[in-house]
Amino acid sequence: MRFTLDETQAELKELAAGLLGREAGHERLAEHDRSGSAYDAALWKAVARAGLIGACLPEEAGGAGLGAVEMAVILREAGARVIPVPLQDGLVAAMAIGRYGSPEQRSALSRLAEGEIVLTAALLEPGRELGATPLTTARPSEDGGWVLSGRKTMVTYAAESDAILVPARTAHGVGLFLVKPEAAAVQAVPVSTGEPASALTLDDAPGEIVGEPDGTAFGTLRLLSLVAITASASGVLAGALELTTEYIRTRKQFGRALAEFQAVTVQIADVYIAGRALDVAVWSGAWRVDAGLDDEAELDLAVAAHTVADAALVGLYTCQHLHGGIGLDVTYPLHRYFAWGKHRAHLLGGVEARLDTIGALV
């Protein structure tokens, strides 16, 4: 495989970087924090108008039908600017629906592409690793539909979503189901990023099946979610590295810039190496997802997830350390990168869980 972006992907990266660089500056993010809003609705609309939501959606929804690599390009740029919009889980859910949904379900994604609605996915259950076979169950109802029972946790933007994509076990395998938030008991849970997140309790909640309940769609959803989380974390680390590099270049101590001290140079180099290692695993995994090489993608993304939970998180601690006291100040932008990185490491289950996954794969 090639680790360089093709022309379409490079243009998508330039578009995302340009738009978010203009629309998601540190002052605007601070203003959003003060607003108490669930997400920046104006920024969400701007992202939609630029085609960044629709890029990975099917053509019948007004999208471009692009794949996991393009999703990773977009989410990496979003992570580098820690933008407060429901993009990560929304793209994962929409791409799964785009691949396995009915014509009506795929067509309905046009409202997401236009920024009119929000979608999310319920990927985690209490005490369960990301991507594990769910304990939540689904069974046919008397009216020919499906009803779901179980619990999900850490569902971002659940209350704000038009629908939630929920994996659940059936008699034939794991299926994906669209559940309306009003059909579930939604309880807010705090997360470090400040984003709205919820625990869901499903008690015979009606759901609309997406594809067949044979595990195929669930397998794709799991891989897409790993691509999304690790690509976003890669962007977060890149953004923190850029901020820290500029700080040590301009901050002086004993009459010298911090970057002139060998100990500082070695530490920032470690952050750079962690970022490069994460990028290699993310791009390789995303490319293999698009190529249909799921087994190889599984291992690549397991390595990427371990890097997020280990070396990348250590790198964020290093960035905070190199900033000194200002690195702990919540009025300074570094805290957003640290919170986003820490949250993604939590979603992935931590270092030990990731090592267990790699061990099982090899």
Protein backbone atom coordinates (compact mmCIF):
# COMPACT_ATOMS: atom_id res chain seq x y z
CA MET A 1 0.00 0.00 0.00
CA ARG A 2 0.95 3.69 -0.35
CA PHE A 3 0.92 5.98 2.66
CA THR A 4 0.54 9.13 0.57
CA LEU A 5 -2.92 10.54 -0.07
CA ASP A 6 -4.25 10.47 -3.61
CA GLU A 7 -5.50 13.63 -5.32
CA THR A 8 -9.06 13.38 -4.00
CA GLN A 9 -7.92 12.67 -0.46
CA ALA A 10 -5.36 15.49 -0.54
CA GLU A 11 -8.02 17.94 -1.73
CA LEU A 12 -10.37 16.74 1.00
CA LYS A 13 -7.64 17.26 3.60
CA GLU A 14 -6.94 20.77 2.29
CA LEU A 15 -10.65 21.62 2.32
CA ALA A 16 -11.13 20.37 5.88
CA ALA A 17 -7.97 22.05 7.18
CA GLY A 18 -8.86 25.36 5.52
CA LEU A 19 -12.47 25.43 6.70
CA LEU A 20 -11.75 24.35 10.26
CA GLY A 21 -8.73 26.60 10.50
CA ARG A 22 -11.01 29.57 9.73
CA GLU A 23 -14.13 28.48 11.59
CA ALA A 24 -12.77 26.71 14.68
CA GLY A 25 -10.19 29.02 16.20
CA HIS A 26 -9.38 28.89 19.90
CA GLU A 27 -11.51 31.95 20.67
CA ARG A 28 -14.56 30.40 19.04
CA LEU A 29 -14.03 27.16 20.95
CA ALA A 30 -13.79 29.11 24.21
CA GLU A 31 -17.00 30.95 23.31
CA HIS A 32 -18.72 27.60 22.71
CA ASP A 33 -17.53 26.35 26.11
CA ARG A 34 -19.15 29.35 27.75
CA SER A 35 -22.39 28.94 25.79
CA GLY A 36 -23.37 25.63 27.35
CA SER A 37 -24.68 24.41 23.98
CA ALA A 38 -24.51 20.72 23.13
CA TYR A 39 -22.58 21.51 19.95
CA ASP A 40 -21.73 24.47 17.72
CA ALA A 41 -24.75 24.47 15.39
CA ALA A 42 -23.30 27.12 13.07
CA LEU A 43 -20.06 25.19 12.70
CA TRP A 44 -22.04 21.98 12.09
CA LYS A 45 -23.86 23.73 9.23
CA ALA A 46 -20.57 25.06 7.83
CA VAL A 47 -19.07 21.57 7.86
CA ALA A 48 -22.17 20.28 6.05
CA ARG A 49 -22.12 23.06 3.42
CA ALA A 50 -18.46 22.26 2.69
CA GLY A 51 -19.45 18.65 1.93
CA LEU A 52 -17.40 17.16 4.75
CA ILE A 53 -20.38 15.23 6.14
CA GLY A 54 -21.64 14.08 2.77
CA ALA A 55 -18.24 13.02 1.44
CA CYS A 56 -18.56 9.53 2.89
CA LEU A 57 -22.32 9.15 2.45
CA PRO A 58 -23.94 7.27 -0.46
CA GLU A 59 -24.74 9.09 -3.69
CA GLU A 60 -28.50 8.64 -3.25
CA ALA A 61 -28.17 10.80 -0.10
CA GLY A 62 -26.35 13.49 -2.02
CA GLY A 63 -22.95 12.22 -0.91
CA ALA A 64 -19.78 11.29 -2.74
CA GLY A 65 -19.66 7.64 -1.63
CA LEU A 66 -16.08 7.81 -0.35
CA GLY A 67 -14.61 5.32 2.12
CA ALA A 68 -12.80 4.76 5.39
CA VAL A 69 -9.59 6.51 4.32
CA GLU A 70 -11.51 9.67 3.45
CA MET A 71 -13.39 9.45 6.75
CA ALA A 72 -10.03 9.23 8.51
CA VAL A 73 -8.77 12.29 6.61
CA ILE A 74 -11.77 14.34 7.76
CA LEU A 75 -11.71 13.15 11.37
CA ARG A 76 -7.98 13.68 11.70
CA GLU A 77 -8.42 17.34 10.72
CA ALA A 78 -11.39 17.64 13.07
CA GLY A 79 -9.35 16.13 15.89
CA ALA A 80 -6.46 18.51 15.23
CA ARG A 81 -8.86 21.37 16.00
CA VAL A 82 -11.02 19.56 18.61
CA ILE A 83 -14.20 20.87 16.98
CA PRO A 84 -17.36 20.61 19.12
CA VAL A 85 -19.67 18.97 16.56
CA PRO A 86 -21.17 15.43 16.40
CA LEU A 87 -19.02 14.30 13.49
CA GLN A 88 -17.15 11.19 14.66
CA ASP A 89 -19.95 8.81 15.62
CA GLY A 90 -22.26 10.40 13.06
CA LEU A 91 -19.98 9.44 10.17
CA VAL A 92 -19.50 5.92 11.56
CA ALA A 93 -23.24 5.35 11.85
CA ALA A 94 -23.97 6.91 8.46
CA MET A 95 -21.35 4.86 6.63
CA ALA A 96 -22.72 1.64 8.11
CA ILE A 97 -26.23 2.62 7.07
CA GLY A 98 -24.93 3.63 3.65
CA ARG A 99 -23.44 0.18 3.11
CA TYR A 100 -26.18 -2.02 4.55
CA GLY A 101 -29.35 0.05 4.86
CA SER A 102 -32.45 -0.11 2.71
CA PRO A 103 -32.86 2.40 -0.14
CA GLU A 104 -35.16 4.44 2.10
CA GLN A 105 -32.64 4.43 4.97
CA ARG A 106 -29.79 5.46 2.68
CA SER A 107 -31.85 8.21 1.07
CA ALA A 108 -32.81 9.58 4.50
CA LEU A 109 -29.11 10.29 5.17
CA SER A 110 -29.48 13.37 2.94
CA ARG A 111 -30.72 15.29 5.98
CA LEU A 112 -27.48 14.43 7.78
CA ALA A 113 -25.40 15.49 4.77
CA GLU A 114 -27.14 18.88 4.90
CA GLY A 115 -26.51 19.28 8.62
CA GLU A 116 -30.22 19.21 9.45
CA ILE A 117 -30.01 16.26 11.85
CA VAL A 118 -27.53 14.40 14.04
CA LEU A 119 -26.88 10.65 14.10
CA THR A 120 -24.86 8.63 16.58
CA ALA A 121 -23.94 5.04 17.39
CA ALA A 122 -24.19 3.14 20.68
CA LEU A 123 -20.89 1.27 20.52
CA LEU A 124 -20.20 0.56 24.20
CA GLU A 125 -21.87 -1.41 26.96
CA PRO A 126 -21.06 -1.26 30.70
CA GLY A 127 -18.04 -3.45 31.45
CA ARG A 128 -17.62 -4.50 27.82
CA GLU A 129 -14.75 -3.77 25.43
CA LEU A 130 -15.42 -1.70 22.33
CA GLY A 131 -16.52 -4.03 19.56
CA ALA A 132 -17.34 -6.98 21.83
CA THR A 133 -20.45 -9.02 21.01
CA PRO A 134 -23.24 -7.01 22.65
CA LEU A 135 -25.33 -8.24 25.54
CA THR A 136 -28.22 -6.10 24.29
CA THR A 137 -30.79 -8.31 22.58
CA ALA A 138 -33.29 -7.79 19.76
CA ARG A 139 -36.30 -9.95 18.98
CA PRO A 140 -39.10 -9.74 16.41
CA SER A 141 -42.23 -7.97 17.59
CA GLU A 142 -45.83 -8.90 16.85
CA ASP A 143 -46.19 -6.04 14.37
CA GLY A 144 -43.34 -7.34 12.21
CA GLY A 145 -40.70 -5.01 13.59
CA TRP A 146 -38.08 -5.48 16.29
CA VAL A 147 -37.80 -4.62 19.97
CA LEU A 148 -34.52 -4.19 21.86
CA SER A 149 -33.59 -4.66 25.50
CA GLY A 150 -30.29 -3.87 27.18
CA ARG A 151 -27.97 -1.07 28.23
CA LYS A 152 -25.50 1.12 26.34
CA THR A 153 -23.11 3.68 27.74
CA MET A 154 -20.99 6.65 26.61
CA VAL A 155 -23.32 7.39 23.70
CA THR A 156 -22.38 10.87 22.50
CA TYR A 157 -25.10 13.26 21.38
CA ALA A 158 -27.79 10.65 22.09
CA ALA A 159 -30.46 13.13 23.19
CA GLU A 160 -29.67 15.41 20.24
CA SER A 161 -29.78 12.65 17.61
CA ASP A 162 -32.57 11.90 15.20
CA ALA A 163 -31.75 8.20 15.63
CA ILE A 164 -29.17 6.00 17.34
CA LEU A 165 -27.56 3.02 15.61
CA VAL A 166 -27.63 0.19 18.16
CA PRO A 167 -25.92 -3.22 17.78
CA ALA A 168 -27.89 -6.06 19.38
CA ARG A 169 -27.86 -9.86 19.45
CA THR A 170 -30.57 -11.78 17.64
CA ALA A 171 -31.25 -15.48 17.18
CA HIS A 172 -29.27 -15.34 13.92
CA GLY A 173 -26.34 -13.14 14.94
CA VAL A 174 -25.62 -9.52 15.76
CA GLY A 175 -27.68 -6.96 13.90
CA LEU A 176 -27.81 -3.17 13.70
CA PHE A 177 -30.98 -1.27 14.58
CA LEU A 178 -32.06 2.36 14.37
CA VAL A 179 -33.66 3.43 17.65
CA LYS A 180 -35.26 6.79 18.36
CA PRO A 181 -33.85 8.44 21.50
CA GLU A 182 -37.36 8.95 22.89
CA ALA A 183 -37.83 5.16 22.84
CA ALA A 184 -35.04 4.70 25.40
CA ALA A 185 -34.37 5.93 28.91
CA VAL A 186 -31.57 8.45 28.36
CA GLN A 187 -29.41 9.42 31.35
CA ALA A 188 -26.65 12.00 31.00
CA VAL A 189 -23.12 10.89 31.94
CA PRO A 190 -20.14 13.27 32.23
CA VAL A 191 -17.14 12.89 29.90
CA SER A 192 -13.84 14.74 29.99
CA THR A 193 -14.38 16.49 26.65
CA GLY A 194 -17.51 18.28 27.83
CA GLU A 195 -19.53 16.75 24.99
CA PRO A 196 -23.03 15.54 25.87
CA ALA A 197 -22.98 11.78 26.46
CA SER A 198 -25.58 9.39 27.80
CA ALA A 199 -26.29 5.95 29.13
CA LEU A 200 -29.23 4.27 27.39
CA THR A 201 -31.61 1.77 28.93
CA LEU A 202 -33.64 -0.12 26.34
CA ASP A 203 -36.74 -1.93 27.58
CA ASP A 204 -38.54 -3.44 24.59
CA ALA A 205 -37.63 -0.31 22.64
CA PRO A 206 -38.78 -0.43 19.00
CA GLY A 207 -35.97 -0.56 16.45
CA GLU A 208 -35.67 -0.56 12.67
CA ILE A 209 -33.22 -3.16 11.37
CA VAL A 210 -30.35 -2.11 9.10
CA GLY A 211 -29.24 -4.91 6.77
CA GLU A 212 -29.33 -8.52 7.89
CA PRO A 213 -28.81 -9.73 11.48
CA ASP A 214 -25.90 -12.00 10.53
CA GLY A 215 -23.03 -10.02 12.06
CA THR A 216 -21.69 -8.63 8.76
CA ALA A 217 -22.90 -5.06 9.28
CA PHE A 218 -21.79 -5.17 12.91
CA GLY A 219 -18.29 -6.22 11.86
CA THR A 220 -18.08 -3.26 9.50
CA LEU A 221 -19.40 -0.89 12.18
CA ARG A 222 -16.76 -2.11 14.61
CA LEU A 223 -13.90 -1.56 12.14
CA LEU A 224 -15.22 1.86 11.11
CA SER A 225 -15.48 2.90 14.74
CA LEU A 226 -11.84 1.93 15.34
CA VAL A 227 -10.77 3.90 12.26
CA ALA A 228 -12.77 6.92 13.46
CA ILE A 229 -11.51 6.93 17.05
CA THR A 230 -7.87 6.36 16.17
CA ALA A 231 -7.89 8.89 13.30
CA SER A 232 -9.47 11.48 15.56
CA ALA A 233 -6.87 10.73 18.26
CA SER A 234 -4.11 11.08 15.65
CA GLY A 235 -5.40 14.56 14.86
CA VAL A 236 -5.61 15.42 18.55
CA LEU A 237 -1.96 14.48 19.06
CA ALA A 238 -0.94 16.42 15.94
CA GLY A 239 -2.77 19.51 17.18
CA ALA A 240 -1.20 19.27 20.63
CA LEU A 241 2.25 18.78 19.07
CA GLU A 242 1.84 21.87 16.88
CA LEU A 243 0.73 23.97 19.85
CA THR A 244 3.59 22.72 22.02
CA THR A 245 6.22 23.14 19.32
CA GLU A 246 5.25 26.78 18.88
CA TYR A 247 5.28 27.30 22.65
CA ILE A 248 8.78 25.89 23.23
CA ARG A 249 10.05 27.81 20.21
CA THR A 250 8.95 31.16 21.61
CA ARG A 251 9.02 30.64 25.40
CA LYS A 252 12.36 31.64 26.89
CA GLN A 253 14.04 30.52 30.08
CA PHE A 254 17.44 31.71 31.31
CA GLY A 255 17.64 33.81 28.15
CA ARG A 256 17.19 30.84 25.79
CA ALA A 257 14.19 29.39 23.98
CA LEU A 258 13.00 26.15 25.57
CA ALA A 259 13.54 24.39 22.24
CA GLU A 260 17.29 24.99 22.58
CA PHE A 261 17.52 22.71 25.63
CA GLN A 262 18.46 19.14 24.72
CA ALA A 263 16.10 17.57 27.26
CA VAL A 264 13.17 19.47 25.76
CA THR A 265 14.18 18.52 22.21
CA VAL A 266 14.32 14.82 23.12
CA GLN A 267 10.88 14.94 24.73
CA ILE A 268 9.17 16.71 21.82
CA ALA A 269 10.85 14.26 19.44
CA ASP A 270 9.21 11.39 21.35
CA VAL A 271 5.81 13.01 20.79
CA TYR A 272 6.54 13.33 17.08
CA ILE A 273 7.56 9.65 16.86
CA ALA A 274 4.37 8.56 18.65
CA GLY A 275 2.33 10.58 16.15
CA ARG A 276 4.09 9.05 13.16
CA ALA A 277 3.65 5.53 14.52
CA LEU A 278 -0.05 6.17 15.08
CA ASP A 279 -0.50 7.58 11.59
CA VAL A 280 1.09 4.55 9.93
CA ALA A 281 -1.27 2.16 11.74
CA VAL A 282 -4.35 4.32 11.10
CA TRP A 283 -3.76 4.78 7.37
CA SER A 284 -2.86 1.12 6.90
CA GLY A 285 -5.97 -0.02 8.77
CA ALA A 286 -8.30 2.38 6.95
CA TRP A 287 -6.89 1.38 3.56
CA ARG A 288 -7.39 -2.30 4.34
CA VAL A 289 -10.98 -1.67 5.46
CA ASP A 290 -11.69 -0.10 2.07
CA ALA A 291 -9.90 -2.95 0.30
CA GLY A 292 -12.06 -5.54 2.10
CA LEU A 293 -9.05 -7.00 3.95
CA ASP A 294 -10.83 -7.13 7.28
CA ASP A 295 -8.48 -9.55 9.05
CA GLU A 296 -5.40 -7.47 8.23
CA ALA A 297 -7.28 -4.27 9.07
CA GLU A 298 -8.21 -5.75 12.45
CA LEU A 299 -4.56 -6.12 13.45
CA ASP A 300 -3.52 -2.71 12.09
CA LEU A 301 -6.31 -0.99 13.97
CA ALA A 302 -5.54 -2.95 17.13
CA VAL A 303 -1.99 -1.55 16.95
CA ALA A 304 -3.39 1.94 16.33
CA ALA A 305 -5.74 1.61 19.30
CA HIS A 306 -2.89 0.47 21.54
CA THR A 307 -0.81 3.46 20.43
CA VAL A 308 -3.70 5.81 21.29
CA ALA A 309 -3.99 4.31 24.77
CA ASP A 310 -0.23 4.20 25.38
CA ALA A 311 2.35 6.24 23.44
CA ALA A 312 -0.06 8.93 22.21
CA LEU A 313 -1.46 9.49 25.69
CA VAL A 314 2.06 9.68 27.10
CA GLY A 315 2.79 12.21 24.36
CA LEU A 316 -0.11 14.39 25.52
CA TYR A 317 1.22 14.25 29.08
CA THR A 318 4.58 15.36 27.67
CA CYS A 319 2.98 18.30 25.87
CA GLN A 320 1.31 19.32 29.09
CA HIS A 321 4.58 18.96 31.01
CA LEU A 322 6.52 21.08 28.50
CA HIS A 323 4.01 23.88 28.91
CA GLY A 324 4.62 24.04 32.65
CA GLY A 325 1.84 25.58 34.73
CA ILE A 326 -0.03 27.04 31.76
CA GLY A 327 -0.61 23.50 30.52
CA LEU A 328 -3.07 23.02 33.39
CA ASP A 329 -4.97 26.25 32.74
CA VAL A 330 -8.41 25.54 31.26
CA THR A 331 -8.40 28.96 29.60
CA TYR A 332 -5.43 27.79 27.51
CA PRO A 333 -6.33 25.55 24.51
CA LEU A 334 -4.06 22.61 25.40
CA HIS A 335 -6.58 21.25 27.91
CA ARG A 336 -9.00 20.39 25.09
CA TYR A 337 -6.43 18.21 23.36
CA PHE A 338 -5.59 16.40 26.57
CA ALA A 339 -9.27 15.82 27.39
CA TRP A 340 -10.06 14.55 23.89
CA GLY A 341 -7.05 12.22 23.87
CA LYS A 342 -7.81 10.87 27.32
CA HIS A 343 -11.44 10.24 26.38
CA ARG A 344 -10.49 8.28 23.28
CA ALA A 345 -8.09 6.15 25.29
CA HIS A 346 -10.98 5.42 27.67
CA LEU A 347 -13.27 4.47 24.79
CA LEU A 348 -10.66 1.95 23.63
CA GLY A 349 -10.43 0.34 27.06
CA GLY A 350 -6.89 1.28 28.05
CA VAL A 351 -3.48 -0.30 27.49
CA GLU A 352 -4.13 -3.74 28.99
CA ALA A 353 -7.32 -4.27 27.00
CA ARG A 354 -5.56 -3.28 23.79
CA LEU A 355 -2.63 -5.63 24.49
CA ASP A 356 -5.09 -8.46 25.12
CA THR A 357 -6.71 -7.77 21.74
CA ILE A 358 -3.37 -7.78 19.90
CA GLY A 359 -2.37 -10.99 21.69
CA ALA A 360 -5.59 -12.69 20.65
CA LEU A 361 -5.12 -11.61 17.03
CA VAL A 362 -1.55 -12.83 16.71
